[in-house]
Amino acid sequence: MLNMPVDVIATFNVQGKIKPNYIRLEDENHVLHTYKIENIVFSREEKYAGVPVILFCCNIMRGDVVQTIHIKYHVRSHQWVIAER
């Protein structure tokens, strides 16, 4: 699942800060599931080969289990990808 594009619903505050709220992930049977992002553990701006991204470490509930995921927002292309950490 390294750097796989994903659907994310996000909001922006009045200062322009982005906050992911929901993510849609595909399971092993190729069925899409939407998960609420319960909390953001941290976020930070990074550059990968000069490309600016914002990395988010988030917790979602998958069934009865809390799962930590890492997603990156590519600032220039406005694309979200799931990242392995």
N, C-alpha and C. Protein backbone atom coordinates (compact mmCIF):
# COMPACT_ATOMS: atom_id res chain seq x y z
N MET A 1 0.81 -1.20 0.00
CA MET A 1 0.00 0.00 0.00
C MET A 1 0.85 1.26 0.00
N LEU A 2 2.09 1.16 -0.34
CA LEU A 2 3.00 2.30 -0.30
C LEU A 2 2.65 3.31 -1.38
N ASN A 3 2.39 4.55 -0.96
CA ASN A 3 2.10 5.66 -1.85
C ASN A 3 0.95 5.39 -2.81
N MET A 4 -0.08 4.69 -2.32
CA MET A 4 -1.25 4.41 -3.11
C MET A 4 -2.24 5.57 -2.96
N PRO A 5 -2.73 6.15 -4.07
CA PRO A 5 -3.70 7.24 -3.96
C PRO A 5 -4.96 6.78 -3.22
N VAL A 6 -5.50 7.68 -2.38
CA VAL A 6 -6.72 7.38 -1.63
C VAL A 6 -7.63 8.61 -1.67
N ASP A 7 -8.92 8.36 -1.44
CA ASP A 7 -9.90 9.43 -1.32
C ASP A 7 -9.91 9.92 0.12
N VAL A 8 -9.89 11.23 0.30
CA VAL A 8 -9.93 11.83 1.63
C VAL A 8 -10.89 13.02 1.59
N ILE A 9 -11.70 13.14 2.62
CA ILE A 9 -12.51 14.35 2.82
C ILE A 9 -11.80 15.15 3.90
N ALA A 10 -11.53 16.42 3.59
CA ALA A 10 -10.79 17.27 4.52
C ALA A 10 -11.47 18.63 4.64
N THR A 11 -11.14 19.33 5.72
CA THR A 11 -11.62 20.69 5.91
C THR A 11 -10.41 21.61 6.08
N PHE A 12 -10.66 22.88 5.88
CA PHE A 12 -9.63 23.91 6.04
C PHE A 12 -10.14 24.96 7.02
N ASN A 13 -9.25 25.42 7.92
CA ASN A 13 -9.66 26.47 8.84
C ASN A 13 -9.39 27.84 8.21
N VAL A 14 -9.68 28.91 8.94
CA VAL A 14 -9.54 30.25 8.38
C VAL A 14 -8.09 30.63 8.08
N GLN A 15 -7.13 29.95 8.71
CA GLN A 15 -5.72 30.18 8.40
C GLN A 15 -5.24 29.33 7.24
N GLY A 16 -6.11 28.47 6.69
CA GLY A 16 -5.74 27.62 5.57
C GLY A 16 -5.15 26.28 5.96
N LYS A 17 -5.14 25.95 7.24
CA LYS A 17 -4.62 24.65 7.69
C LYS A 17 -5.59 23.55 7.30
N ILE A 18 -5.05 22.46 6.79
CA ILE A 18 -5.85 21.34 6.32
C ILE A 18 -5.99 20.29 7.41
N LYS A 19 -7.18 19.68 7.48
CA LYS A 19 -7.44 18.63 8.46
C LYS A 19 -8.23 17.50 7.79
N PRO A 20 -7.61 16.32 7.65
CA PRO A 20 -8.37 15.19 7.08
C PRO A 20 -9.44 14.72 8.06
N ASN A 21 -10.64 14.42 7.55
CA ASN A 21 -11.75 13.99 8.39
C ASN A 21 -12.19 12.55 8.12
N TYR A 22 -12.18 12.14 6.86
CA TYR A 22 -12.58 10.80 6.47
C TYR A 22 -11.63 10.28 5.40
N ILE A 23 -11.44 8.96 5.38
CA ILE A 23 -10.61 8.33 4.35
C ILE A 23 -11.35 7.11 3.82
N ARG A 24 -11.21 6.86 2.53
CA ARG A 24 -11.82 5.69 1.91
C ARG A 24 -10.71 4.72 1.52
N LEU A 25 -10.79 3.50 2.06
CA LEU A 25 -9.78 2.47 1.81
C LEU A 25 -10.42 1.26 1.16
N GLU A 26 -9.65 0.59 0.33
CA GLU A 26 -10.11 -0.62 -0.34
C GLU A 26 -9.61 -1.84 0.44
N ASP A 27 -10.50 -2.81 0.67
CA ASP A 27 -10.09 -4.02 1.38
C ASP A 27 -9.56 -5.06 0.40
N GLU A 28 -9.20 -6.22 0.93
CA GLU A 28 -8.62 -7.28 0.09
C GLU A 28 -9.59 -7.83 -0.95
N ASN A 29 -10.90 -7.58 -0.76
CA ASN A 29 -11.92 -8.00 -1.74
C ASN A 29 -12.29 -6.88 -2.69
N HIS A 30 -11.51 -5.81 -2.68
CA HIS A 30 -11.69 -4.64 -3.55
C HIS A 30 -13.00 -3.90 -3.28
N VAL A 31 -13.44 -3.95 -2.03
CA VAL A 31 -14.62 -3.21 -1.59
C VAL A 31 -14.14 -1.95 -0.89
N LEU A 32 -14.75 -0.81 -1.24
CA LEU A 32 -14.36 0.46 -0.62
C LEU A 32 -15.09 0.66 0.70
N HIS A 33 -14.37 1.11 1.72
CA HIS A 33 -14.93 1.40 3.04
C HIS A 33 -14.50 2.81 3.44
N THR A 34 -15.42 3.56 4.00
CA THR A 34 -15.12 4.91 4.47
C THR A 34 -14.95 4.88 5.98
N TYR A 35 -13.86 5.48 6.47
CA TYR A 35 -13.55 5.51 7.89
C TYR A 35 -13.41 6.95 8.36
N LYS A 36 -13.96 7.24 9.52
CA LYS A 36 -13.79 8.54 10.15
C LYS A 36 -12.41 8.58 10.79
N ILE A 37 -11.70 9.66 10.57
CA ILE A 37 -10.42 9.84 11.24
C ILE A 37 -10.72 10.31 12.66
N GLU A 38 -10.42 9.44 13.62
CA GLU A 38 -10.77 9.71 15.02
C GLU A 38 -9.92 10.81 15.62
N ASN A 39 -8.63 10.80 15.34
CA ASN A 39 -7.75 11.87 15.81
C ASN A 39 -6.48 11.88 14.97
N ILE A 40 -5.84 13.03 14.98
CA ILE A 40 -4.57 13.20 14.30
C ILE A 40 -3.48 13.20 15.36
N VAL A 41 -2.61 12.21 15.30
CA VAL A 41 -1.53 12.08 16.28
C VAL A 41 -0.50 13.20 16.07
N PHE A 42 -0.12 13.41 14.81
CA PHE A 42 0.76 14.52 14.48
C PHE A 42 0.64 14.82 13.00
N SER A 43 1.08 16.00 12.63
CA SER A 43 1.22 16.36 11.22
C SER A 43 2.48 17.20 11.09
N ARG A 44 3.12 17.08 9.94
CA ARG A 44 4.32 17.89 9.71
C ARG A 44 4.54 18.05 8.21
N GLU A 45 5.16 19.17 7.88
CA GLU A 45 5.51 19.44 6.49
C GLU A 45 6.85 18.80 6.19
N GLU A 46 6.93 18.16 5.03
CA GLU A 46 8.17 17.52 4.61
C GLU A 46 8.37 17.77 3.12
N LYS A 47 9.54 17.42 2.64
CA LYS A 47 9.82 17.47 1.20
C LYS A 47 10.42 16.14 0.79
N TYR A 48 9.88 15.57 -0.28
CA TYR A 48 10.39 14.33 -0.87
C TYR A 48 10.88 14.67 -2.26
N ALA A 49 12.19 14.61 -2.43
CA ALA A 49 12.83 14.97 -3.70
C ALA A 49 12.40 16.37 -4.13
N GLY A 50 12.29 17.27 -3.15
CA GLY A 50 11.92 18.66 -3.44
C GLY A 50 10.43 18.91 -3.57
N VAL A 51 9.62 17.86 -3.44
CA VAL A 51 8.17 17.99 -3.58
C VAL A 51 7.57 18.20 -2.19
N PRO A 52 6.87 19.33 -1.96
CA PRO A 52 6.31 19.58 -0.63
C PRO A 52 5.08 18.71 -0.35
N VAL A 53 5.07 18.09 0.82
CA VAL A 53 3.93 17.28 1.27
C VAL A 53 3.66 17.59 2.73
N ILE A 54 2.45 17.29 3.15
CA ILE A 54 2.11 17.34 4.57
C ILE A 54 1.80 15.91 4.99
N LEU A 55 2.55 15.42 5.96
CA LEU A 55 2.38 14.06 6.45
C LEU A 55 1.48 14.09 7.68
N PHE A 56 0.47 13.23 7.68
CA PHE A 56 -0.45 13.10 8.81
C PHE A 56 -0.37 11.68 9.36
N CYS A 57 -0.23 11.56 10.66
CA CYS A 57 -0.36 10.28 11.35
C CYS A 57 -1.72 10.32 12.04
N CYS A 58 -2.60 9.39 11.66
CA CYS A 58 -3.99 9.43 12.12
C CYS A 58 -4.42 8.08 12.68
N ASN A 59 -5.45 8.12 13.51
CA ASN A 59 -6.08 6.90 14.01
C ASN A 59 -7.49 6.79 13.44
N ILE A 60 -7.81 5.57 12.97
CA ILE A 60 -9.15 5.26 12.50
C ILE A 60 -9.63 4.02 13.24
N MET A 61 -10.93 3.83 13.26
CA MET A 61 -11.52 2.62 13.84
C MET A 61 -11.88 1.67 12.70
N ARG A 62 -11.28 0.49 12.69
CA ARG A 62 -11.63 -0.56 11.73
C ARG A 62 -12.27 -1.67 12.53
N GLY A 63 -13.59 -1.70 12.53
CA GLY A 63 -14.31 -2.63 13.39
C GLY A 63 -14.14 -2.16 14.82
N ASP A 64 -13.62 -3.03 15.68
CA ASP A 64 -13.39 -2.69 17.08
C ASP A 64 -11.92 -2.36 17.36
N VAL A 65 -11.13 -2.20 16.31
CA VAL A 65 -9.69 -2.01 16.46
C VAL A 65 -9.29 -0.61 16.00
N VAL A 66 -8.47 0.05 16.82
CA VAL A 66 -7.90 1.33 16.42
C VAL A 66 -6.68 1.04 15.56
N GLN A 67 -6.64 1.63 14.37
CA GLN A 67 -5.52 1.43 13.46
C GLN A 67 -4.87 2.78 13.19
N THR A 68 -3.55 2.82 13.25
CA THR A 68 -2.80 4.03 12.94
C THR A 68 -2.41 3.98 11.46
N ILE A 69 -2.70 5.07 10.77
CA ILE A 69 -2.34 5.16 9.35
C ILE A 69 -1.55 6.44 9.12
N HIS A 70 -0.77 6.46 8.06
CA HIS A 70 -0.03 7.64 7.66
C HIS A 70 -0.50 8.01 6.26
N ILE A 71 -0.93 9.26 6.12
CA ILE A 71 -1.34 9.75 4.81
C ILE A 71 -0.56 11.01 4.49
N LYS A 72 -0.27 11.19 3.20
CA LYS A 72 0.46 12.37 2.75
C LYS A 72 -0.43 13.17 1.80
N TYR A 73 -0.40 14.47 1.99
CA TYR A 73 -1.09 15.39 1.09
C TYR A 73 -0.03 16.09 0.24
N HIS A 74 -0.07 15.88 -1.07
CA HIS A 74 0.86 16.52 -1.98
C HIS A 74 0.33 17.92 -2.30
N VAL A 75 1.04 18.92 -1.82
CA VAL A 75 0.58 20.30 -1.88
C VAL A 75 0.37 20.77 -3.32
N ARG A 76 1.29 20.47 -4.20
CA ARG A 76 1.22 20.98 -5.58
C ARG A 76 0.13 20.28 -6.40
N SER A 77 -0.01 18.97 -6.24
CA SER A 77 -0.97 18.22 -7.06
C SER A 77 -2.32 18.02 -6.36
N HIS A 78 -2.40 18.39 -5.08
CA HIS A 78 -3.62 18.23 -4.27
C HIS A 78 -4.06 16.77 -4.20
N GLN A 79 -3.11 15.87 -4.17
CA GLN A 79 -3.39 14.43 -4.13
C GLN A 79 -3.05 13.86 -2.76
N TRP A 80 -3.91 12.95 -2.30
CA TRP A 80 -3.67 12.22 -1.05
C TRP A 80 -3.17 10.83 -1.38
N VAL A 81 -2.18 10.35 -0.62
CA VAL A 81 -1.69 8.98 -0.76
C VAL A 81 -1.51 8.39 0.63
N ILE A 82 -1.69 7.07 0.71
CA ILE A 82 -1.42 6.38 1.97
C ILE A 82 0.05 6.03 1.96
N ALA A 83 0.70 6.23 3.09
CA ALA A 83 2.15 6.04 3.18
C ALA A 83 2.48 4.99 4.24
N GLU A 84 3.49 4.22 3.99
CA GLU A 84 3.99 3.26 4.98
C GLU A 84 4.99 3.99 5.86
N ARG A 85 4.99 3.70 7.13
CA ARG A 85 5.94 4.31 8.05
C ARG A 85 6.55 3.24 8.89
